[in-house]
Amino acid sequence: MNHSTTRRLAYGGLMAALIALLTAYVRLDILFFLSMHSGYAHLGDVGIVLASLVMGPFAAVPAALGSAIADLLAGYVTYAPFTLVIKGAMGFILGKWLVAKRLSARNIALLILTAAFMVGAYFLTDTLLYGVEAAIGSVLGNCIQGAAMIAGGIVLAPIYCSLPKNIVKK
């Protein structure tokens, strides 16, 4: 196993743990307004942004695993397989195209599109699991979560860029 593979595995494990903790334990429980379905908004997506900056497209793995583990820890077992796919896709998308060099319209647009993807994907998930009424009721909580991810990305990208290069090798 070479040095870059070891580094990738170590970062992947750390990022998956960070994402799981930020998702399962740094959260706001929400009873959605238009249904009796409950869920939570969390800061795990900020961890996905950080993993994407550090790991590039490989962030899909810790994003998927950390988020799905968090659903299991938090008691949302039915969401875990959907979360695995949705958050993995978010990690890949952000890791592939997020540029940490500066705060740019391109980066903000990418964060907004990724948040919109997440809201839409969970709308489809909630429709499948609970029906359209519950899915409509869950949109606000998912938008709050997406807004936290956008804000986190706006803050993290310039900070990450200012770190010494020997810390931030991909």
N, C-alpha and C. Protein backbone atom coordinates (compact mmCIF):
# COMPACT_ATOMS: atom_id res chain seq x y z
N MET A 1 0.85 -1.17 0.00
CA MET A 1 0.00 0.00 0.00
C MET A 1 0.90 1.23 0.00
N ASN A 2 0.70 2.10 -0.97
CA ASN A 2 1.56 3.28 -1.04
C ASN A 2 1.04 4.40 -0.15
N HIS A 3 1.84 5.45 -0.06
CA HIS A 3 1.57 6.56 0.86
C HIS A 3 0.24 7.26 0.55
N SER A 4 -0.06 7.48 -0.73
CA SER A 4 -1.30 8.20 -1.08
C SER A 4 -2.54 7.35 -0.77
N THR A 5 -2.44 6.04 -0.94
CA THR A 5 -3.56 5.16 -0.61
C THR A 5 -3.81 5.15 0.89
N THR A 6 -2.73 5.10 1.65
CA THR A 6 -2.85 5.14 3.11
C THR A 6 -3.47 6.45 3.57
N ARG A 7 -3.01 7.54 2.99
CA ARG A 7 -3.56 8.86 3.34
C ARG A 7 -5.04 8.93 2.98
N ARG A 8 -5.41 8.43 1.81
CA ARG A 8 -6.81 8.46 1.38
C ARG A 8 -7.70 7.64 2.33
N LEU A 9 -7.22 6.45 2.72
CA LEU A 9 -7.98 5.62 3.64
C LEU A 9 -8.13 6.29 5.01
N ALA A 10 -7.03 6.89 5.49
CA ALA A 10 -7.08 7.56 6.79
C ALA A 10 -8.03 8.75 6.74
N TYR A 11 -7.91 9.59 5.72
CA TYR A 11 -8.82 10.72 5.58
C TYR A 11 -10.27 10.25 5.42
N GLY A 12 -10.45 9.19 4.65
CA GLY A 12 -11.80 8.66 4.44
C GLY A 12 -12.45 8.21 5.74
N GLY A 13 -11.69 7.50 6.56
CA GLY A 13 -12.22 7.06 7.84
C GLY A 13 -12.53 8.22 8.77
N LEU A 14 -11.60 9.18 8.83
CA LEU A 14 -11.83 10.36 9.67
C LEU A 14 -13.04 11.16 9.19
N MET A 15 -13.15 11.34 7.88
CA MET A 15 -14.26 12.12 7.35
C MET A 15 -15.60 11.39 7.55
N ALA A 16 -15.62 10.07 7.37
CA ALA A 16 -16.86 9.32 7.60
C ALA A 16 -17.30 9.46 9.06
N ALA A 17 -16.34 9.38 9.99
CA ALA A 17 -16.67 9.54 11.41
C ALA A 17 -17.16 10.96 11.70
N LEU A 18 -16.49 11.96 11.14
CA LEU A 18 -16.90 13.35 11.35
C LEU A 18 -18.31 13.59 10.80
N ILE A 19 -18.57 13.10 9.61
CA ILE A 19 -19.89 13.27 8.98
C ILE A 19 -20.96 12.57 9.81
N ALA A 20 -20.67 11.36 10.28
CA ALA A 20 -21.64 10.63 11.11
C ALA A 20 -21.95 11.40 12.39
N LEU A 21 -20.92 11.92 13.04
CA LEU A 21 -21.12 12.67 14.29
C LEU A 21 -21.89 13.97 14.05
N LEU A 22 -21.51 14.72 13.01
CA LEU A 22 -22.20 15.98 12.70
C LEU A 22 -23.65 15.74 12.29
N THR A 23 -23.92 14.59 11.69
CA THR A 23 -25.27 14.28 11.25
C THR A 23 -26.14 13.77 12.39
N ALA A 24 -25.64 12.82 13.14
CA ALA A 24 -26.46 12.17 14.17
C ALA A 24 -26.60 13.00 15.44
N TYR A 25 -25.58 13.80 15.76
CA TYR A 25 -25.58 14.44 17.07
C TYR A 25 -25.61 15.97 17.06
N VAL A 26 -25.28 16.61 15.96
CA VAL A 26 -25.38 18.07 15.86
C VAL A 26 -26.56 18.34 14.93
N ARG A 27 -27.76 18.27 15.52
CA ARG A 27 -28.96 18.30 14.70
C ARG A 27 -30.09 19.05 15.37
N LEU A 28 -31.07 19.40 14.56
CA LEU A 28 -32.28 20.06 15.02
C LEU A 28 -33.45 19.16 14.62
N ASP A 29 -34.11 18.56 15.60
CA ASP A 29 -35.25 17.70 15.31
C ASP A 29 -36.43 18.57 14.88
N ILE A 30 -37.12 18.11 13.84
CA ILE A 30 -38.20 18.89 13.24
C ILE A 30 -39.43 18.01 13.07
N LEU A 31 -40.59 18.50 13.53
CA LEU A 31 -41.86 17.89 13.19
C LEU A 31 -42.37 18.67 11.99
N PHE A 32 -42.43 18.02 10.84
CA PHE A 32 -42.77 18.73 9.62
C PHE A 32 -44.22 19.22 9.67
N PHE A 33 -44.42 20.43 9.18
CA PHE A 33 -45.67 21.16 9.36
C PHE A 33 -46.89 20.51 8.74
N LEU A 34 -46.78 19.95 7.58
CA LEU A 34 -47.95 19.46 6.86
C LEU A 34 -48.21 17.98 7.06
N SER A 35 -47.46 17.35 7.97
CA SER A 35 -47.65 15.93 8.20
C SER A 35 -47.22 15.60 9.62
N MET A 36 -47.47 14.41 10.06
CA MET A 36 -47.02 13.98 11.38
C MET A 36 -45.65 13.32 11.27
N HIS A 37 -45.05 13.37 10.14
CA HIS A 37 -43.72 12.80 9.91
C HIS A 37 -42.67 13.72 10.52
N SER A 38 -41.69 13.16 11.19
CA SER A 38 -40.64 13.99 11.77
C SER A 38 -39.30 13.64 11.13
N GLY A 39 -38.37 14.52 11.27
CA GLY A 39 -37.02 14.32 10.74
C GLY A 39 -36.09 15.27 11.44
N TYR A 40 -34.96 15.52 10.84
CA TYR A 40 -34.02 16.44 11.47
C TYR A 40 -33.15 17.12 10.43
N ALA A 41 -32.77 18.35 10.75
CA ALA A 41 -31.79 19.09 9.96
C ALA A 41 -30.48 19.02 10.75
N HIS A 42 -29.36 18.95 10.06
CA HIS A 42 -28.09 18.69 10.72
C HIS A 42 -26.94 19.38 10.01
N LEU A 43 -25.76 19.29 10.59
CA LEU A 43 -24.56 19.89 10.01
C LEU A 43 -23.69 18.87 9.28
N GLY A 44 -24.19 17.67 9.08
CA GLY A 44 -23.41 16.64 8.38
C GLY A 44 -23.01 17.04 6.98
N ASP A 45 -23.85 17.83 6.32
CA ASP A 45 -23.52 18.24 4.96
C ASP A 45 -22.33 19.20 4.92
N VAL A 46 -22.10 19.93 6.01
CA VAL A 46 -20.89 20.75 6.09
C VAL A 46 -19.67 19.83 6.13
N GLY A 47 -19.79 18.70 6.81
CA GLY A 47 -18.73 17.70 6.80
C GLY A 47 -18.50 17.13 5.41
N ILE A 48 -19.56 16.98 4.64
CA ILE A 48 -19.42 16.50 3.26
C ILE A 48 -18.67 17.52 2.42
N VAL A 49 -18.95 18.80 2.63
CA VAL A 49 -18.21 19.85 1.91
C VAL A 49 -16.72 19.77 2.26
N LEU A 50 -16.41 19.62 3.55
CA LEU A 50 -15.02 19.51 3.97
C LEU A 50 -14.36 18.28 3.36
N ALA A 51 -15.04 17.15 3.39
CA ALA A 51 -14.49 15.93 2.78
C ALA A 51 -14.24 16.13 1.29
N SER A 52 -15.13 16.84 0.63
CA SER A 52 -14.98 17.10 -0.81
C SER A 52 -13.76 17.96 -1.10
N LEU A 53 -13.51 18.94 -0.24
CA LEU A 53 -12.33 19.79 -0.41
C LEU A 53 -11.06 18.98 -0.18
N VAL A 54 -11.06 18.13 0.82
CA VAL A 54 -9.87 17.37 1.19
C VAL A 54 -9.61 16.21 0.24
N MET A 55 -10.68 15.52 -0.20
CA MET A 55 -10.52 14.24 -0.89
C MET A 55 -10.92 14.24 -2.36
N GLY A 56 -11.51 15.30 -2.85
CA GLY A 56 -11.98 15.30 -4.23
C GLY A 56 -13.16 14.34 -4.39
N PRO A 57 -13.32 13.75 -5.57
CA PRO A 57 -14.47 12.88 -5.83
C PRO A 57 -14.55 11.66 -4.91
N PHE A 58 -13.41 11.25 -4.35
CA PHE A 58 -13.41 10.12 -3.42
C PHE A 58 -14.23 10.43 -2.17
N ALA A 59 -14.59 11.68 -1.95
CA ALA A 59 -15.44 12.06 -0.82
C ALA A 59 -16.80 11.37 -0.88
N ALA A 60 -17.16 10.82 -2.03
CA ALA A 60 -18.42 10.10 -2.14
C ALA A 60 -18.49 8.96 -1.12
N VAL A 61 -17.37 8.29 -0.88
CA VAL A 61 -17.38 7.13 0.02
C VAL A 61 -17.64 7.54 1.48
N PRO A 62 -16.84 8.44 2.06
CA PRO A 62 -17.15 8.82 3.45
C PRO A 62 -18.48 9.57 3.58
N ALA A 63 -18.88 10.32 2.55
CA ALA A 63 -20.18 11.00 2.61
C ALA A 63 -21.31 9.98 2.69
N ALA A 64 -21.24 8.97 1.85
CA ALA A 64 -22.27 7.93 1.83
C ALA A 64 -22.27 7.13 3.13
N LEU A 65 -21.10 6.64 3.52
CA LEU A 65 -21.03 5.78 4.70
C LEU A 65 -21.32 6.54 5.99
N GLY A 66 -20.72 7.71 6.16
CA GLY A 66 -20.95 8.49 7.38
C GLY A 66 -22.40 8.89 7.54
N SER A 67 -23.04 9.30 6.46
CA SER A 67 -24.43 9.73 6.53
C SER A 67 -25.38 8.55 6.78
N ALA A 68 -25.12 7.43 6.12
CA ALA A 68 -25.97 6.25 6.33
C ALA A 68 -25.80 5.71 7.75
N ILE A 69 -24.58 5.70 8.26
CA ILE A 69 -24.35 5.27 9.65
C ILE A 69 -25.09 6.20 10.61
N ALA A 70 -25.09 7.49 10.33
CA ALA A 70 -25.81 8.44 11.18
C ALA A 70 -27.30 8.16 11.19
N ASP A 71 -27.87 7.82 10.04
CA ASP A 71 -29.29 7.47 10.01
C ASP A 71 -29.56 6.25 10.89
N LEU A 72 -28.67 5.28 10.84
CA LEU A 72 -28.82 4.09 11.69
C LEU A 72 -28.71 4.46 13.17
N LEU A 73 -27.72 5.29 13.51
CA LEU A 73 -27.53 5.71 14.91
C LEU A 73 -28.72 6.53 15.43
N ALA A 74 -29.30 7.34 14.56
CA ALA A 74 -30.38 8.23 14.97
C ALA A 74 -31.75 7.56 14.92
N GLY A 75 -31.81 6.32 14.46
CA GLY A 75 -33.07 5.60 14.42
C GLY A 75 -33.87 5.76 13.14
N TYR A 76 -33.27 6.32 12.11
CA TYR A 76 -33.96 6.49 10.82
C TYR A 76 -33.50 5.40 9.85
N VAL A 77 -33.73 4.15 10.24
CA VAL A 77 -33.22 3.00 9.50
C VAL A 77 -33.78 2.95 8.08
N THR A 78 -35.05 3.31 7.90
CA THR A 78 -35.65 3.24 6.56
C THR A 78 -34.99 4.21 5.59
N TYR A 79 -34.39 5.27 6.10
CA TYR A 79 -33.72 6.25 5.23
C TYR A 79 -32.30 5.84 4.84
N ALA A 80 -31.68 4.95 5.59
CA ALA A 80 -30.26 4.65 5.39
C ALA A 80 -29.89 4.28 3.95
N PRO A 81 -30.61 3.39 3.27
CA PRO A 81 -30.20 3.07 1.89
C PRO A 81 -30.35 4.25 0.93
N PHE A 82 -31.38 5.06 1.14
CA PHE A 82 -31.56 6.24 0.29
C PHE A 82 -30.47 7.27 0.57
N THR A 83 -30.17 7.46 1.84
CA THR A 83 -29.12 8.39 2.24
C THR A 83 -27.78 7.97 1.68
N LEU A 84 -27.50 6.69 1.69
CA LEU A 84 -26.24 6.17 1.14
C LEU A 84 -26.03 6.67 -0.29
N VAL A 85 -27.08 6.59 -1.09
CA VAL A 85 -26.99 7.01 -2.50
C VAL A 85 -26.98 8.53 -2.62
N ILE A 86 -27.90 9.20 -1.93
CA ILE A 86 -28.02 10.66 -2.06
C ILE A 86 -26.76 11.37 -1.59
N LYS A 87 -26.30 11.04 -0.40
CA LYS A 87 -25.12 11.72 0.15
C LYS A 87 -23.85 11.31 -0.59
N GLY A 88 -23.78 10.08 -1.06
CA GLY A 88 -22.64 9.67 -1.88
C GLY A 88 -22.56 10.49 -3.16
N ALA A 89 -23.72 10.71 -3.78
CA ALA A 89 -23.76 11.54 -5.00
C ALA A 89 -23.35 12.97 -4.69
N MET A 90 -23.81 13.49 -3.55
CA MET A 90 -23.42 14.86 -3.16
C MET A 90 -21.91 14.96 -2.97
N GLY A 91 -21.32 13.97 -2.29
CA GLY A 91 -19.87 13.97 -2.08
C GLY A 91 -19.11 13.92 -3.39
N PHE A 92 -19.60 13.11 -4.33
CA PHE A 92 -18.93 13.02 -5.63
C PHE A 92 -19.04 14.33 -6.39
N ILE A 93 -20.26 14.87 -6.46
CA ILE A 93 -20.49 16.12 -7.21
C ILE A 93 -19.63 17.25 -6.65
N LEU A 94 -19.68 17.45 -5.34
CA LEU A 94 -18.88 18.52 -4.74
C LEU A 94 -17.39 18.25 -4.88
N GLY A 95 -16.97 17.01 -4.67
CA GLY A 95 -15.55 16.68 -4.78
C GLY A 95 -15.01 16.85 -6.18
N LYS A 96 -15.84 16.60 -7.16
CA LYS A 96 -15.41 16.70 -8.56
C LYS A 96 -15.28 18.15 -9.02
N TRP A 97 -16.21 19.02 -8.58
CA TRP A 97 -16.27 20.35 -9.18
C TRP A 97 -16.07 21.53 -8.24
N LEU A 98 -16.03 21.31 -6.93
CA LEU A 98 -15.82 22.43 -6.01
C LEU A 98 -14.36 22.86 -6.05
N VAL A 99 -14.13 24.14 -6.26
CA VAL A 99 -12.78 24.70 -6.35
C VAL A 99 -12.55 25.54 -5.10
N ALA A 100 -11.50 25.23 -4.34
CA ALA A 100 -11.28 25.88 -3.05
C ALA A 100 -10.48 27.18 -3.16
N LYS A 101 -10.12 27.58 -4.34
CA LYS A 101 -9.20 28.71 -4.49
C LYS A 101 -9.77 30.03 -3.96
N ARG A 102 -11.05 30.25 -4.14
CA ARG A 102 -11.64 31.52 -3.70
C ARG A 102 -13.16 31.37 -3.67
N LEU A 103 -13.79 32.35 -3.06
CA LEU A 103 -15.23 32.40 -3.08
C LEU A 103 -15.66 32.90 -4.45
N SER A 104 -16.33 32.06 -5.22
CA SER A 104 -16.70 32.44 -6.57
C SER A 104 -18.17 32.14 -6.82
N ALA A 105 -18.71 32.77 -7.84
CA ALA A 105 -20.09 32.51 -8.22
C ALA A 105 -20.26 31.05 -8.63
N ARG A 106 -19.24 30.49 -9.25
CA ARG A 106 -19.28 29.08 -9.67
C ARG A 106 -19.42 28.16 -8.47
N ASN A 107 -18.62 28.40 -7.42
CA ASN A 107 -18.70 27.57 -6.22
C ASN A 107 -20.05 27.71 -5.52
N ILE A 108 -20.53 28.94 -5.42
CA ILE A 108 -21.83 29.16 -4.78
C ILE A 108 -22.94 28.49 -5.58
N ALA A 109 -22.88 28.60 -6.90
CA ALA A 109 -23.88 27.94 -7.75
C ALA A 109 -23.82 26.42 -7.57
N LEU A 110 -22.62 25.87 -7.49
CA LEU A 110 -22.47 24.42 -7.28
C LEU A 110 -23.07 24.00 -5.94
N LEU A 111 -22.81 24.76 -4.90
CA LEU A 111 -23.38 24.46 -3.58
C LEU A 111 -24.91 24.54 -3.62
N ILE A 112 -25.45 25.55 -4.29
CA ILE A 112 -26.90 25.70 -4.40
C ILE A 112 -27.50 24.54 -5.19
N LEU A 113 -26.88 24.16 -6.30
CA LEU A 113 -27.39 23.04 -7.10
C LEU A 113 -27.31 21.73 -6.33
N THR A 114 -26.25 21.54 -5.56
CA THR A 114 -26.13 20.32 -4.77
C THR A 114 -27.19 20.28 -3.67
N ALA A 115 -27.44 21.42 -3.04
CA ALA A 115 -28.50 21.50 -2.03
C ALA A 115 -29.87 21.22 -2.67
N ALA A 116 -30.10 21.76 -3.85
CA ALA A 116 -31.37 21.52 -4.56
C ALA A 116 -31.51 20.04 -4.92
N PHE A 117 -30.41 19.41 -5.33
CA PHE A 117 -30.42 17.97 -5.61
C PHE A 117 -30.83 17.21 -4.35
N MET A 118 -30.25 17.57 -3.22
CA MET A 118 -30.55 16.89 -1.96
C MET A 118 -32.03 17.06 -1.58
N VAL A 119 -32.54 18.28 -1.69
CA VAL A 119 -33.95 18.53 -1.36
C VAL A 119 -34.85 17.71 -2.29
N GLY A 120 -34.55 17.71 -3.58
CA GLY A 120 -35.35 16.94 -4.53
C GLY A 120 -35.27 15.45 -4.31
N ALA A 121 -34.08 14.95 -4.01
CA ALA A 121 -33.91 13.51 -3.80
C ALA A 121 -34.65 13.06 -2.54
N TYR A 122 -34.59 13.85 -1.48
CA TYR A 122 -35.33 13.48 -0.27
C TYR A 122 -36.84 13.69 -0.45
N PHE A 123 -37.24 14.60 -1.32
CA PHE A 123 -38.67 14.74 -1.64
C PHE A 123 -39.16 13.44 -2.30
N LEU A 124 -38.39 12.94 -3.25
CA LEU A 124 -38.75 11.67 -3.90
C LEU A 124 -38.74 10.52 -2.90
N THR A 125 -37.75 10.50 -2.02
CA THR A 125 -37.67 9.45 -0.99
C THR A 125 -38.89 9.50 -0.08
N ASP A 126 -39.23 10.69 0.41
CA ASP A 126 -40.39 10.82 1.30
C ASP A 126 -41.69 10.48 0.58
N THR A 127 -41.78 10.83 -0.70
CA THR A 127 -42.96 10.46 -1.48
C THR A 127 -43.09 8.95 -1.56
N LEU A 128 -41.99 8.28 -1.82
CA LEU A 128 -41.99 6.82 -1.91
C LEU A 128 -42.34 6.18 -0.56
N LEU A 129 -41.77 6.69 0.51
CA LEU A 129 -41.96 6.08 1.83
C LEU A 129 -43.28 6.47 2.49
N TYR A 130 -43.69 7.74 2.37
CA TYR A 130 -44.81 8.25 3.17
C TYR A 130 -45.91 8.94 2.39
N GLY A 131 -45.70 9.22 1.10
CA GLY A 131 -46.70 9.91 0.30
C GLY A 131 -46.34 11.36 0.06
N VAL A 132 -47.03 11.96 -0.88
CA VAL A 132 -46.72 13.32 -1.32
C VAL A 132 -46.93 14.34 -0.20
N GLU A 133 -47.97 14.16 0.62
CA GLU A 133 -48.23 15.13 1.69
C GLU A 133 -47.05 15.22 2.65
N ALA A 134 -46.54 14.09 3.06
CA ALA A 134 -45.38 14.08 3.96
C ALA A 134 -44.15 14.65 3.27
N ALA A 135 -44.01 14.35 1.99
CA ALA A 135 -42.86 14.87 1.24
C ALA A 135 -42.90 16.39 1.16
N ILE A 136 -44.07 16.95 0.94
CA ILE A 136 -44.21 18.41 0.91
C ILE A 136 -43.84 18.99 2.27
N GLY A 137 -44.28 18.34 3.32
CA GLY A 137 -43.99 18.81 4.66
C GLY A 137 -42.53 18.75 5.03
N SER A 138 -41.76 17.90 4.37
CA SER A 138 -40.34 17.75 4.71
C SER A 138 -39.43 18.72 3.96
N VAL A 139 -39.97 19.42 2.99
CA VAL A 139 -39.14 20.30 2.16
C VAL A 139 -38.48 21.40 2.97
N LEU A 140 -39.20 22.02 3.90
CA LEU A 140 -38.63 23.12 4.68
C LEU A 140 -37.40 22.67 5.47
N GLY A 141 -37.50 21.56 6.16
CA GLY A 141 -36.36 21.05 6.93
C GLY A 141 -35.17 20.75 6.04
N ASN A 142 -35.42 20.18 4.88
CA ASN A 142 -34.32 19.89 3.95
C ASN A 142 -33.72 21.17 3.38
N CYS A 143 -34.56 22.19 3.19
CA CYS A 143 -34.03 23.48 2.72
C CYS A 143 -33.14 24.13 3.79
N ILE A 144 -33.53 24.01 5.06
CA ILE A 144 -32.70 24.52 6.15
C ILE A 144 -31.35 23.81 6.15
N GLN A 145 -31.39 22.51 6.01
CA GLN A 145 -30.17 21.71 5.96
C GLN A 145 -29.31 22.11 4.76
N GLY A 146 -29.93 22.31 3.61
CA GLY A 146 -29.19 22.76 2.42
C GLY A 146 -28.57 24.13 2.61
N ALA A 147 -29.31 25.03 3.27
CA ALA A 147 -28.77 26.37 3.53
C ALA A 147 -27.55 26.30 4.45
N ALA A 148 -27.59 25.40 5.42
CA ALA A 148 -26.43 25.22 6.31
C ALA A 148 -25.23 24.72 5.52
N MET A 149 -25.47 23.82 4.56
CA MET A 149 -24.38 23.31 3.72
C MET A 149 -23.79 24.43 2.87
N ILE A 150 -24.64 25.26 2.29
CA ILE A 150 -24.17 26.37 1.46
C ILE A 150 -23.33 27.33 2.30
N ALA A 151 -23.84 27.70 3.47
CA ALA A 151 -23.09 28.60 4.35
C ALA A 151 -21.76 27.97 4.76
N GLY A 152 -21.78 26.70 5.10
CA GLY A 152 -20.55 26.00 5.47
C GLY A 152 -19.54 25.97 4.35
N GLY A 153 -20.02 25.75 3.13
CA GLY A 153 -19.12 25.75 1.98
C GLY A 153 -18.51 27.11 1.71
N ILE A 154 -19.32 28.15 1.87
CA ILE A 154 -18.82 29.51 1.66
C ILE A 154 -17.73 29.84 2.68
N VAL A 155 -17.87 29.35 3.90
CA VAL A 155 -16.88 29.61 4.94
C VAL A 155 -15.66 28.69 4.79
N LEU A 156 -15.89 27.40 4.51
CA LEU A 156 -14.79 26.43 4.51
C LEU A 156 -13.84 26.54 3.33
N ALA A 157 -14.35 26.84 2.14
CA ALA A 157 -13.49 26.84 0.95
C ALA A 157 -12.31 27.80 1.09
N PRO A 158 -12.51 29.06 1.46
CA PRO A 158 -11.36 29.95 1.60
C PRO A 158 -10.42 29.56 2.75
N ILE A 159 -10.98 29.04 3.84
CA ILE A 159 -10.14 28.60 4.96
C ILE A 159 -9.27 27.44 4.53
N TYR A 160 -9.87 26.48 3.85
CA TYR A 160 -9.13 25.32 3.37
C TYR A 160 -8.00 25.75 2.43
N CYS A 161 -8.29 26.70 1.57
CA CYS A 161 -7.29 27.18 0.61
C CYS A 161 -6.11 27.84 1.30
N SER A 162 -6.33 28.43 2.46
CA SER A 162 -5.25 29.13 3.15
C SER A 162 -4.35 28.21 3.97
N LEU A 163 -4.71 26.93 4.08
CA LEU A 163 -3.88 25.99 4.84
C LEU A 163 -2.59 25.66 4.10
N PRO A 164 -1.53 25.31 4.82
CA PRO A 164 -0.28 24.93 4.15
C PRO A 164 -0.48 23.74 3.22
N LYS A 165 0.22 23.74 2.11
CA LYS A 165 0.02 22.73 1.07
C LYS A 165 0.34 21.31 1.55
N ASN A 166 1.24 21.14 2.51
CA ASN A 166 1.55 19.78 2.96
C ASN A 166 0.42 19.17 3.77
N ILE A 167 -0.52 19.98 4.22
CA ILE A 167 -1.68 19.47 4.95
C ILE A 167 -2.79 19.08 3.98
N VAL A 168 -2.91 19.76 2.86
CA VAL A 168 -4.08 19.63 2.01
C VAL A 168 -3.84 18.85 0.72
N LYS A 169 -2.82 18.04 0.64
CA LYS A 169 -2.60 17.24 -0.57
C LYS A 169 -3.77 16.31 -0.80
N LYS A 170 -4.21 16.22 -2.05
CA LYS A 170 -5.29 15.28 -2.40
C LYS A 170 -4.69 13.98 -2.87
